[in-house]
């Protein structure tokens, strides 16, 4: 039978030493990585008929745009993942 996730005592001591602003920043950055991966997966599902994105430079620009967009989304409230992680990880 599955039980809920409970932090181990050694991990709980580490979390108490970490200021909540650092934890919040880490959760936000994790959410932005998750959103960037979602954007990449969504872009892979559509056909690439764009003229300037067919070469390597275009793909790099598109990837950088997605990463910055994901960071902006997560800093602006995001999809709620960072908030849930923060609430679960803070002790």
PDB file of N, CA and C in Angstrom:
ATOM      1  N   UNK A   1       0.843  -1.178   0.000  1.00  0.00           N
ATOM      2  CA  UNK A   1       0.000   0.000   0.000  1.00  0.00           C
ATOM      3  C   UNK A   1       0.891   1.245   0.000  1.00  0.00           C
ATOM      4  N   UNK A   2       0.512   2.221  -0.773  1.00  0.00           N
ATOM      5  CA  UNK A   2       1.294   3.447  -0.859  1.00  0.00           C
ATOM      6  C   UNK A   2       0.975   4.374   0.293  1.00  0.00           C
ATOM      7  N   UNK A   3       2.002   4.982   0.834  1.00  0.00           N
ATOM      8  CA  UNK A   3       1.825   5.964   1.895  1.00  0.00           C
ATOM      9  C   UNK A   3       2.250   7.319   1.358  1.00  0.00           C
ATOM     10  N   UNK A   4       1.822   8.369   2.003  1.00  0.00           N
ATOM     11  CA  UNK A   4       2.202   9.714   1.590  1.00  0.00           C
ATOM     12  C   UNK A   4       3.694   9.940   1.765  1.00  0.00           C
ATOM     13  N   UNK A   5       4.191  10.915   1.076  1.00  0.00           N
ATOM     14  CA  UNK A   5       5.615  11.240   1.169  1.00  0.00           C
ATOM     15  C   UNK A   5       5.848  12.002   2.463  1.00  0.00           C
ATOM     16  N   UNK A   6       6.752  11.503   3.260  1.00  0.00           N
ATOM     17  CA  UNK A   6       7.104  12.213   4.483  1.00  0.00           C
ATOM     18  C   UNK A   6       8.609  12.430   4.500  1.00  0.00           C
ATOM     19  N   UNK A   7       9.033  13.652   4.781  1.00  0.00           N
ATOM     20  CA  UNK A   7      10.464  13.935   4.766  1.00  0.00           C
ATOM     21  C   UNK A   7      11.183  13.212   5.896  1.00  0.00           C
ATOM     22  N   UNK A   8      12.374  12.797   5.590  1.00  0.00           N
ATOM     23  CA  UNK A   8      13.188  12.144   6.606  1.00  0.00           C
ATOM     24  C   UNK A   8      13.741  13.209   7.548  1.00  0.00           C
ATOM     25  N   UNK A   9      14.076  12.859   8.781  1.00  0.00           N
ATOM     26  CA  UNK A   9      14.575  13.858   9.735  1.00  0.00           C
ATOM     27  C   UNK A   9      15.822  14.597   9.255  1.00  0.00           C
ATOM     28  N   UNK A  10      16.725  13.893   8.554  1.00  0.00           N
ATOM     29  CA  UNK A  10      17.940  14.554   8.068  1.00  0.00           C
ATOM     30  C   UNK A  10      17.586  15.610   7.023  1.00  0.00           C
ATOM     31  N   UNK A  11      16.621  15.305   6.158  1.00  0.00           N
ATOM     32  CA  UNK A  11      16.186  16.270   5.149  1.00  0.00           C
ATOM     33  C   UNK A  11      15.442  17.431   5.783  1.00  0.00           C
ATOM     34  N   UNK A  12      14.690  17.162   6.819  1.00  0.00           N
ATOM     35  CA  UNK A  12      13.965  18.233   7.504  1.00  0.00           C
ATOM     36  C   UNK A  12      14.936  19.247   8.103  1.00  0.00           C
ATOM     37  N   UNK A  13      16.053  18.765   8.620  1.00  0.00           N
ATOM     38  CA  UNK A  13      17.054  19.677   9.184  1.00  0.00           C
ATOM     39  C   UNK A  13      17.670  20.550   8.090  1.00  0.00           C
ATOM     40  N   UNK A  14      17.871  19.980   6.901  1.00  0.00           N
ATOM     41  CA  UNK A  14      18.407  20.771   5.791  1.00  0.00           C
ATOM     42  C   UNK A  14      17.432  21.861   5.370  1.00  0.00           C
ATOM     43  N   UNK A  15      16.146  21.545   5.349  1.00  0.00           N
ATOM     44  CA  UNK A  15      15.148  22.520   4.938  1.00  0.00           C
ATOM     45  C   UNK A  15      15.025  23.663   5.930  1.00  0.00           C
ATOM     46  N   UNK A  16      15.212  23.384   7.195  1.00  0.00           N
ATOM     47  CA  UNK A  16      15.108  24.448   8.195  1.00  0.00           C
ATOM     48  C   UNK A  16      16.229  25.462   8.034  1.00  0.00           C
ATOM     49  N   UNK A  17      17.388  25.005   7.537  1.00  0.00           N
ATOM     50  CA  UNK A  17      18.509  25.910   7.332  1.00  0.00           C
ATOM     51  C   UNK A  17      18.348  26.752   6.073  1.00  0.00           C
ATOM     52  N   UNK A  18      17.547  26.295   5.127  1.00  0.00           N
ATOM     53  CA  UNK A  18      17.371  27.007   3.863  1.00  0.00           C
ATOM     54  C   UNK A  18      16.327  28.109   4.040  1.00  0.00           C
ATOM     55  N   UNK A  19      16.690  29.343   3.748  1.00  0.00           N
ATOM     56  CA  UNK A  19      15.708  30.418   3.844  1.00  0.00           C
ATOM     57  C   UNK A  19      14.564  30.197   2.857  1.00  0.00           C
ATOM     58  N   UNK A  20      13.393  30.656   3.225  1.00  0.00           N
ATOM     59  CA  UNK A  20      12.220  30.387   2.386  1.00  0.00           C
ATOM     60  C   UNK A  20      12.311  31.087   1.035  1.00  0.00           C
ATOM     61  N   UNK A  21      13.038  32.211   0.942  1.00  0.00           N
ATOM     62  CA  UNK A  21      13.150  32.873  -0.354  1.00  0.00           C
ATOM     63  C   UNK A  21      13.989  32.041  -1.323  1.00  0.00           C
ATOM     64  N   UNK A  22      15.014  31.354  -0.836  1.00  0.00           N
ATOM     65  CA  UNK A  22      15.807  30.475  -1.700  1.00  0.00           C
ATOM     66  C   UNK A  22      14.990  29.274  -2.152  1.00  0.00           C
ATOM     67  N   UNK A  23      14.183  28.735  -1.246  1.00  0.00           N
ATOM     68  CA  UNK A  23      13.325  27.605  -1.589  1.00  0.00           C
ATOM     69  C   UNK A  23      12.283  28.027  -2.617  1.00  0.00           C
ATOM     70  N   UNK A  24      11.702  29.199  -2.433  1.00  0.00           N
ATOM     71  CA  UNK A  24      10.707  29.704  -3.374  1.00  0.00           C
ATOM     72  C   UNK A  24      11.328  29.913  -4.752  1.00  0.00           C
ATOM     73  N   UNK A  25      12.558  30.442  -4.792  1.00  0.00           N
ATOM     74  CA  UNK A  25      13.248  30.659  -6.063  1.00  0.00           C
ATOM     75  C   UNK A  25      13.531  29.321  -6.743  1.00  0.00           C
ATOM     76  N   UNK A  26      13.955  28.325  -5.984  1.00  0.00           N
ATOM     77  CA  UNK A  26      14.234  27.004  -6.550  1.00  0.00           C
ATOM     78  C   UNK A  26      12.961  26.375  -7.108  1.00  0.00           C
ATOM     79  N   UNK A  27      11.851  26.530  -6.401  1.00  0.00           N
ATOM     80  CA  UNK A  27      10.576  25.982  -6.874  1.00  0.00           C
ATOM     81  C   UNK A  27      10.127  26.685  -8.156  1.00  0.00           C
ATOM     82  N   UNK A  28      10.322  28.001  -8.219  1.00  0.00           N
ATOM     83  CA  UNK A  28       9.961  28.761  -9.416  1.00  0.00           C
ATOM     84  C   UNK A  28      10.821  28.348 -10.597  1.00  0.00           C
ATOM     85  N   UNK A  29      12.114  28.148 -10.369  1.00  0.00           N
ATOM     86  CA  UNK A  29      13.001  27.723 -11.449  1.00  0.00           C
ATOM     87  C   UNK A  29      12.655  26.305 -11.921  1.00  0.00           C
ATOM     88  N   UNK A  30      12.283  25.438 -10.999  1.00  0.00           N
ATOM     89  CA  UNK A  30      11.872  24.094 -11.389  1.00  0.00           C
ATOM     90  C   UNK A  30      10.619  24.159 -12.250  1.00  0.00           C
ATOM     91  N   UNK A  31       9.672  25.018 -11.856  1.00  0.00           N
ATOM     92  CA  UNK A  31       8.454  25.172 -12.637  1.00  0.00           C
ATOM     93  C   UNK A  31       8.764  25.702 -14.039  1.00  0.00           C
ATOM     94  N   UNK A  32       9.718  26.620 -14.141  1.00  0.00           N
ATOM     95  CA  UNK A  32      10.063  27.158 -15.459  1.00  0.00           C
ATOM     96  C   UNK A  32      10.702  26.088 -16.341  1.00  0.00           C
ATOM     97  N   UNK A  33      11.496  25.206 -15.760  1.00  0.00           N
ATOM     98  CA  UNK A  33      12.078  24.093 -16.531  1.00  0.00           C
ATOM     99  C   UNK A  33      10.965  23.164 -17.019  1.00  0.00           C
ATOM    100  N   UNK A  34       9.999  22.905 -16.154  1.00  0.00           N
ATOM    101  CA  UNK A  34       8.871  22.055 -16.519  1.00  0.00           C
ATOM    102  C   UNK A  34       8.061  22.682 -17.648  1.00  0.00           C
ATOM    103  N   UNK A  35       7.790  23.984 -17.561  1.00  0.00           N
ATOM    104  CA  UNK A  35       7.028  24.677 -18.597  1.00  0.00           C
ATOM    105  C   UNK A  35       7.814  24.694 -19.907  1.00  0.00           C
ATOM    106  N   UNK A  36       9.128  24.922 -19.830  1.00  0.00           N
ATOM    107  CA  UNK A  36       9.953  24.920 -21.043  1.00  0.00           C
ATOM    108  C   UNK A  36       9.912  23.556 -21.724  1.00  0.00           C
ATOM    109  N   UNK A  37       9.918  22.491 -20.948  1.00  0.00           N
ATOM    110  CA  UNK A  37       9.828  21.154 -21.523  1.00  0.00           C
ATOM    111  C   UNK A  37       8.462  20.945 -22.169  1.00  0.00           C
ATOM    112  N   UNK A  38       7.401  21.460 -21.528  1.00  0.00           N
ATOM    113  CA  UNK A  38       6.071  21.367 -22.120  1.00  0.00           C
ATOM    114  C   UNK A  38       6.011  22.121 -23.445  1.00  0.00           C
ATOM    115  N   UNK A  39       6.576  23.330 -23.487  1.00  0.00           N
ATOM    116  CA  UNK A  39       6.583  24.107 -24.725  1.00  0.00           C
ATOM    117  C   UNK A  39       7.350  23.380 -25.822  1.00  0.00           C
ATOM    118  N   UNK A  40       8.488  22.793 -25.457  1.00  0.00           N
ATOM    119  CA  UNK A  40       9.288  22.049 -26.439  1.00  0.00           C
ATOM    120  C   UNK A  40       8.495  20.864 -26.984  1.00  0.00           C
ATOM    121  N   UNK A  41       7.802  20.164 -26.116  1.00  0.00           N
ATOM    122  CA  UNK A  41       6.996  19.023 -26.553  1.00  0.00           C
ATOM    123  C   UNK A  41       5.829  19.471 -27.425  1.00  0.00           C
ATOM    124  N   UNK A  42       5.233  20.600 -27.081  1.00  0.00           N
ATOM    125  CA  UNK A  42       4.129  21.107 -27.888  1.00  0.00           C
ATOM    126  C   UNK A  42       4.614  21.531 -29.264  1.00  0.00           C
ATOM    127  N   UNK A  43       5.772  22.171 -29.332  1.00  0.00           N
ATOM    128  CA  UNK A  43       6.313  22.598 -30.628  1.00  0.00           C
ATOM    129  C   UNK A  43       6.694  21.397 -31.491  1.00  0.00           C
ATOM    130  N   UNK A  44       7.126  20.317 -30.865  1.00  0.00           N
ATOM    131  CA  UNK A  44       7.499  19.124 -31.619  1.00  0.00           C
ATOM    132  C   UNK A  44       6.277  18.450 -32.248  1.00  0.00           C
ATOM    133  N   UNK A  45       5.100  18.721 -31.709  1.00  0.00           N
ATOM    134  CA  UNK A  45       3.900  18.064 -32.219  1.00  0.00           C
ATOM    135  C   UNK A  45       3.308  18.758 -33.439  1.00  0.00           C
ATOM    136  N   UNK A  46       3.763  19.978 -33.745  1.00  0.00           N
ATOM    137  CA  UNK A  46       3.232  20.679 -34.919  1.00  0.00           C
ATOM    138  C   UNK A  46       4.235  20.609 -36.055  1.00  0.00           C
ATOM    139  N   UNK A  47       3.744  20.787 -37.269  1.00  0.00           N
ATOM    140  CA  UNK A  47       4.646  20.716 -38.422  1.00  0.00           C
ATOM    141  C   UNK A  47       5.493  21.982 -38.490  1.00  0.00           C
ATOM    142  N   UNK A  48       6.742  21.837 -38.867  1.00  0.00           N
ATOM    143  CA  UNK A  48       7.676  22.958 -38.927  1.00  0.00           C
ATOM    144  C   UNK A  48       7.758  23.548 -40.313  1.00  0.00           C
ATOM    145  N   UNK A  49       6.726  24.269 -40.740  1.00  0.00           N
ATOM    146  CA  UNK A  49       6.715  24.861 -42.070  1.00  0.00           C
ATOM    147  C   UNK A  49       7.325  26.260 -42.098  1.00  0.00           C
ATOM    148  N   UNK A  50       7.802  26.724 -40.976  1.00  0.00           N
ATOM    149  CA  UNK A  50       8.375  28.069 -40.926  1.00  0.00           C
ATOM    150  C   UNK A  50       9.694  28.110 -41.693  1.00  0.00           C
ATOM    151  N   UNK A  51       9.913  29.173 -42.426  1.00  0.00           N
ATOM    152  CA  UNK A  51      11.116  29.268 -43.256  1.00  0.00           C
ATOM    153  C   UNK A  51      12.386  29.496 -42.447  1.00  0.00           C
ATOM    154  N   UNK A  52      12.316  30.382 -41.444  1.00  0.00           N
ATOM    155  CA  UNK A  52      13.551  30.744 -40.752  1.00  0.00           C
ATOM    156  C   UNK A  52      13.878  29.849 -39.569  1.00  0.00           C
ATOM    157  N   UNK A  53      12.990  28.943 -39.190  1.00  0.00           N
ATOM    158  CA  UNK A  53      13.264  28.050 -38.059  1.00  0.00           C
ATOM    159  C   UNK A  53      13.776  26.681 -38.500  1.00  0.00           C
ATOM    160  N   UNK A  54      13.975  26.488 -39.783  1.00  0.00           N
ATOM    161  CA  UNK A  54      14.417  25.181 -40.277  1.00  0.00           C
ATOM    162  C   UNK A  54      15.909  24.943 -40.074  1.00  0.00           C
ATOM    163  N   UNK A  55      16.689  25.990 -39.900  1.00  0.00           N
ATOM    164  CA  UNK A  55      18.131  25.799 -39.745  1.00  0.00           C
ATOM    165  C   UNK A  55      18.498  25.757 -38.252  1.00  0.00           C
ATOM    166  N   UNK A  56      19.749  25.502 -37.981  1.00  0.00           N
ATOM    167  CA  UNK A  56      20.221  25.394 -36.599  1.00  0.00           C
ATOM    168  C   UNK A  56      20.041  26.684 -35.822  1.00  0.00           C
ATOM    169  N   UNK A  57      20.338  27.809 -36.459  1.00  0.00           N
ATOM    170  CA  UNK A  57      20.210  29.099 -35.782  1.00  0.00           C
ATOM    171  C   UNK A  57      18.769  29.354 -35.369  1.00  0.00           C
ATOM    172  N   UNK A  58      17.848  29.062 -36.240  1.00  0.00           N
ATOM    173  CA  UNK A  58      16.434  29.243 -35.923  1.00  0.00           C
ATOM    174  C   UNK A  58      15.987  28.367 -34.774  1.00  0.00           C
ATOM    175  N   UNK A  59      16.492  27.141 -34.725  1.00  0.00           N
ATOM    176  CA  UNK A  59      16.136  26.231 -33.631  1.00  0.00           C
ATOM    177  C   UNK A  59      16.688  26.718 -32.303  1.00  0.00           C
ATOM    178  N   UNK A  60      17.891  27.284 -32.322  1.00  0.00           N
ATOM    179  CA  UNK A  60      18.485  27.827 -31.099  1.00  0.00           C
ATOM    180  C   UNK A  60      17.689  29.034 -30.609  1.00  0.00           C
ATOM    181  N   UNK A  61      17.320  29.915 -31.539  1.00  0.00           N
ATOM    182  CA  UNK A  61      16.517  31.087 -31.179  1.00  0.00           C
ATOM    183  C   UNK A  61      15.173  30.661 -30.605  1.00  0.00           C
ATOM    184  N   UNK A  62      14.539  29.675 -31.228  1.00  0.00           N
ATOM    185  CA  UNK A  62      13.249  29.181 -30.739  1.00  0.00           C
ATOM    186  C   UNK A  62      13.385  28.587 -29.338  1.00  0.00           C
ATOM    187  N   UNK A  63      14.458  27.848 -29.099  1.00  0.00           N
ATOM    188  CA  UNK A  63      14.699  27.255 -27.785  1.00  0.00           C
ATOM    189  C   UNK A  63      14.929  28.337 -26.725  1.00  0.00           C
ATOM    190  N   UNK A  64      15.707  29.355 -27.073  1.00  0.00           N
ATOM    191  CA  UNK A  64      15.951  30.453 -26.130  1.00  0.00           C
ATOM    192  C   UNK A  64      14.660  31.211 -25.838  1.00  0.00           C
ATOM    193  N   UNK A  65      13.840  31.405 -26.854  1.00  0.00           N
ATOM    194  CA  UNK A  65      12.558  32.072 -26.658  1.00  0.00           C
ATOM    195  C   UNK A  65      11.678  31.268 -25.715  1.00  0.00           C
ATOM    196  N   UNK A  66      11.604  29.963 -25.924  1.00  0.00           N
ATOM    197  CA  UNK A  66      10.788  29.105 -25.070  1.00  0.00           C
ATOM    198  C   UNK A  66      11.260  29.135 -23.622  1.00  0.00           C
ATOM    199  N   UNK A  67      12.580  29.115 -23.415  1.00  0.00           N
ATOM    200  CA  UNK A  67      13.111  29.155 -22.053  1.00  0.00           C
ATOM    201  C   UNK A  67      12.769  30.472 -21.364  1.00  0.00           C
ATOM    202  N   UNK A  68      12.906  31.592 -22.082  1.00  0.00           N
ATOM    203  CA  UNK A  68      12.571  32.890 -21.497  1.00  0.00           C
ATOM    204  C   UNK A  68      11.074  33.037 -21.266  1.00  0.00           C
ATOM    205  N   UNK A  69      10.275  32.510 -22.172  1.00  0.00           N
ATOM    206  CA  UNK A  69       8.828  32.529 -22.000  1.00  0.00           C
ATOM    207  C   UNK A  69       8.426  31.708 -20.776  1.00  0.00           C
ATOM    208  N   UNK A  70       9.025  30.543 -20.615  1.00  0.00           N
ATOM    209  CA  UNK A  70       8.728  29.685 -19.471  1.00  0.00           C
ATOM    210  C   UNK A  70       9.117  30.360 -18.161  1.00  0.00           C
ATOM    211  N   UNK A  71      10.262  31.028 -18.142  1.00  0.00           N
ATOM    212  CA  UNK A  71      10.681  31.734 -16.933  1.00  0.00           C
ATOM    213  C   UNK A  71       9.721  32.875 -16.621  1.00  0.00           C
ATOM    214  N   UNK A  72       9.293  33.605 -17.635  1.00  0.00           N
ATOM    215  CA  UNK A  72       8.336  34.684 -17.427  1.00  0.00           C
ATOM    216  C   UNK A  72       6.997  34.182 -16.923  1.00  0.00           C
ATOM    217  N   UNK A  73       6.549  33.052 -17.460  1.00  0.00           N
ATOM    218  CA  UNK A  73       5.284  32.468 -17.010  1.00  0.00           C
ATOM    219  C   UNK A  73       5.383  32.049 -15.547  1.00  0.00           C
ATOM    220  N   UNK A  74       6.473  31.386 -15.181  1.00  0.00           N
ATOM    221  CA  UNK A  74       6.596  30.895 -13.808  1.00  0.00           C
ATOM    222  C   UNK A  74       6.769  32.040 -12.810  1.00  0.00           C
ATOM    223  N   UNK A  75       7.473  33.108 -13.198  1.00  0.00           N
ATOM    224  CA  UNK A  75       7.628  34.256 -12.294  1.00  0.00           C
ATOM    225  C   UNK A  75       6.337  35.059 -12.171  1.00  0.00           C
ATOM    226  N   UNK A  76       5.478  34.976 -13.178  1.00  0.00           N
ATOM    227  CA  UNK A  76       4.222  35.717 -13.164  1.00  0.00           C
ATOM    228  C   UNK A  76       3.066  34.945 -12.550  1.00  0.00           C
ATOM    229  N   UNK A  77       3.341  33.922 -11.828  1.00  0.00           N
ATOM    230  CA  UNK A  77       2.287  33.143 -11.192  1.00  0.00           C
ATOM    231  C   UNK A  77       2.282  31.703 -11.642  1.00  0.00           C
ATOM    232  N   UNK A  78       2.709  31.478 -12.860  1.00  0.00           N
ATOM    233  CA  UNK A  78       2.880  30.124 -13.363  1.00  0.00           C
ATOM    234  C   UNK A  78       1.610  29.309 -13.448  1.00  0.00           C
ATOM    235  N   UNK A  79       1.785  28.024 -13.359  1.00  0.00           N
ATOM    236  CA  UNK A  79       0.674  27.087 -13.459  1.00  0.00           C
ATOM    237  C   UNK A  79       0.330  26.489 -12.092  1.00  0.00           C
ATOM    238  N   UNK A  80       0.956  26.988 -11.058  1.00  0.00           N
ATOM    239  CA  UNK A  80       0.669  26.531  -9.707  1.00  0.00           C
ATOM    240  C   UNK A  80       1.604  25.467  -9.178  1.00  0.00           C
ATOM    241  N   UNK A  81       2.488  24.971 -10.016  1.00  0.00           N
ATOM    242  CA  UNK A  81       3.399  23.911  -9.593  1.00  0.00           C
ATOM    243  C   UNK A  81       4.392  24.419  -8.544  1.00  0.00           C
ATOM    244  N   UNK A  82       4.938  25.609  -8.760  1.00  0.00           N
ATOM    245  CA  UNK A  82       5.914  26.158  -7.811  1.00  0.00           C
ATOM    246  C   UNK A  82       5.285  26.370  -6.439  1.00  0.00           C
ATOM    247  N   UNK A  83       4.068  26.865  -6.416  1.00  0.00           N
ATOM    248  CA  UNK A  83       3.369  27.074  -5.135  1.00  0.00           C
ATOM    249  C   UNK A  83       3.124  25.772  -4.389  1.00  0.00           C
ATOM    250  N   UNK A  84       2.709  24.747  -5.135  1.00  0.00           N
ATOM    251  CA  UNK A  84       2.474  23.452  -4.501  1.00  0.00           C
ATOM    252  C   UNK A  84       3.758  22.851  -3.971  1.00  0.00           C
ATOM    253  N   UNK A  85       4.835  22.949  -4.759  1.00  0.00           N
ATOM    254  CA  UNK A  85       6.129  22.432  -4.301  1.00  0.00           C
ATOM    255  C   UNK A  85       6.607  23.174  -3.058  1.00  0.00           C
ATOM    256  N   UNK A  86       6.473  24.494  -3.087  1.00  0.00           N
ATOM    257  CA  UNK A  86       6.925  25.292  -1.949  1.00  0.00           C
ATOM    258  C   UNK A  86       6.156  24.928  -0.685  1.00  0.00           C
ATOM    259  N   UNK A  87       4.848  24.812  -0.791  1.00  0.00           N
ATOM    260  CA  UNK A  87       4.045  24.473   0.379  1.00  0.00           C
ATOM    261  C   UNK A  87       4.388  23.094   0.914  1.00  0.00           C
ATOM    262  N   UNK A  88       4.708  22.171   0.009  1.00  0.00           N
ATOM    263  CA  UNK A  88       5.025  20.809   0.443  1.00  0.00           C
ATOM    264  C   UNK A  88       6.428  20.712   1.031  1.00  0.00           C
ATOM    265  N   UNK A  89       7.362  21.503   0.495  1.00  0.00           N
ATOM    266  CA  UNK A  89       8.752  21.378   0.943  1.00  0.00           C
ATOM    267  C   UNK A  89       9.079  22.223   2.168  1.00  0.00           C
ATOM    268  N   UNK A  90       8.343  23.292   2.380  1.00  0.00           N
ATOM    269  CA  UNK A  90       8.644  24.099   3.562  1.00  0.00           C
ATOM    270  C   UNK A  90       8.181  23.344   4.802  1.00  0.00           C
ATOM    271  N   UNK A  91       8.919  23.449   5.830  1.00  0.00           N
ATOM    272  CA  UNK A  91       8.574  22.700   7.052  1.00  0.00           C
ATOM    273  C   UNK A  91       8.292  23.598   8.205  1.00  0.00           C
TER     274      UNK A  91
END
